[in-house]
Amino acid sequence: MKFSNKDIELFNEAGICIEDKNYTTEEVENLKMKVTDFIMSQSTKDINKFNNKFSSILY
């Protein structure tokens, strides 16, 4: 899977550096887990906001 520029920006916002390359299914799942960890580390009042913001790469 190759991520769009928007997705790459979202990963960067979450502090996850990714390359512009094709990722395997396993790598994609690992990246999604890192994004989920980032979302869960936010204030409880902001979790829904971040979940919505990052939904394009999580689902």
Protein backbone atom coordinates (compact mmCIF):
# COMPACT_ATOMS: atom_id res chain seq x y z
CA MET A 1 0.00 0.00 0.00
CA LYS A 2 1.21 3.48 -0.83
CA PHE A 3 -0.01 6.42 1.24
CA SER A 4 -1.20 9.73 -0.18
CA ASN A 5 0.58 12.99 0.62
CA LYS A 6 -2.27 13.87 3.00
CA ASP A 7 -1.82 10.56 4.84
CA ILE A 8 1.94 11.13 5.07
CA GLU A 9 1.28 14.56 6.62
CA LEU A 10 -1.04 12.94 9.17
CA PHE A 11 1.60 10.36 10.07
CA ASN A 12 4.15 13.14 10.50
CA GLU A 13 1.74 15.04 12.76
CA ALA A 14 1.54 11.93 14.92
CA GLY A 15 5.34 11.83 15.08
CA ILE A 16 5.60 8.82 12.78
CA CYS A 17 8.10 9.18 9.96
CA ILE A 18 7.21 7.19 6.87
CA GLU A 19 8.68 7.00 3.43
CA ASP A 20 6.98 7.44 0.07
CA LYS A 21 7.01 3.72 -0.75
CA ASN A 22 4.76 0.69 -0.96
CA TYR A 23 4.15 -0.82 2.46
CA THR A 24 3.26 -4.45 3.16
CA THR A 25 0.00 -5.30 4.91
CA GLU A 26 1.94 -6.07 8.10
CA GLU A 27 3.77 -2.74 7.97
CA VAL A 28 0.47 -0.90 7.43
CA GLU A 29 -1.06 -2.61 10.48
CA ASN A 30 1.97 -1.64 12.58
CA LEU A 31 1.66 1.98 11.45
CA LYS A 32 -2.05 1.97 12.28
CA MET A 33 -1.24 0.71 15.77
CA LYS A 34 1.25 3.55 16.23
CA VAL A 35 -1.41 6.06 15.18
CA THR A 36 -3.87 4.48 17.60
CA ASP A 37 -1.29 4.75 20.39
CA PHE A 38 -0.80 8.41 19.51
CA ILE A 39 -4.55 9.06 19.62
CA MET A 40 -4.94 7.26 22.95
CA SER A 41 -2.10 9.31 24.44
CA GLN A 42 -4.06 12.52 23.91
CA SER A 43 -6.34 14.15 26.45
CA THR A 44 -9.58 12.21 26.87
CA LYS A 45 -11.57 15.21 25.66
CA ASP A 46 -9.55 15.26 22.40
CA ILE A 47 -9.63 11.55 21.53
CA ASN A 48 -12.75 11.81 19.34
CA LYS A 49 -11.30 14.83 17.53
CA PHE A 50 -8.07 12.98 16.76
CA ASN A 51 -9.92 9.78 15.88
CA ASN A 52 -11.95 11.69 13.29
CA LYS A 53 -8.87 13.47 11.99
CA PHE A 54 -6.92 10.25 11.48
CA SER A 55 -9.85 8.09 10.33
CA SER A 56 -8.67 8.12 6.71
CA ILE A 57 -5.58 6.10 7.63
CA LEU A 58 -7.16 3.95 10.33
CA TYR A 59 -10.16 2.54 8.44
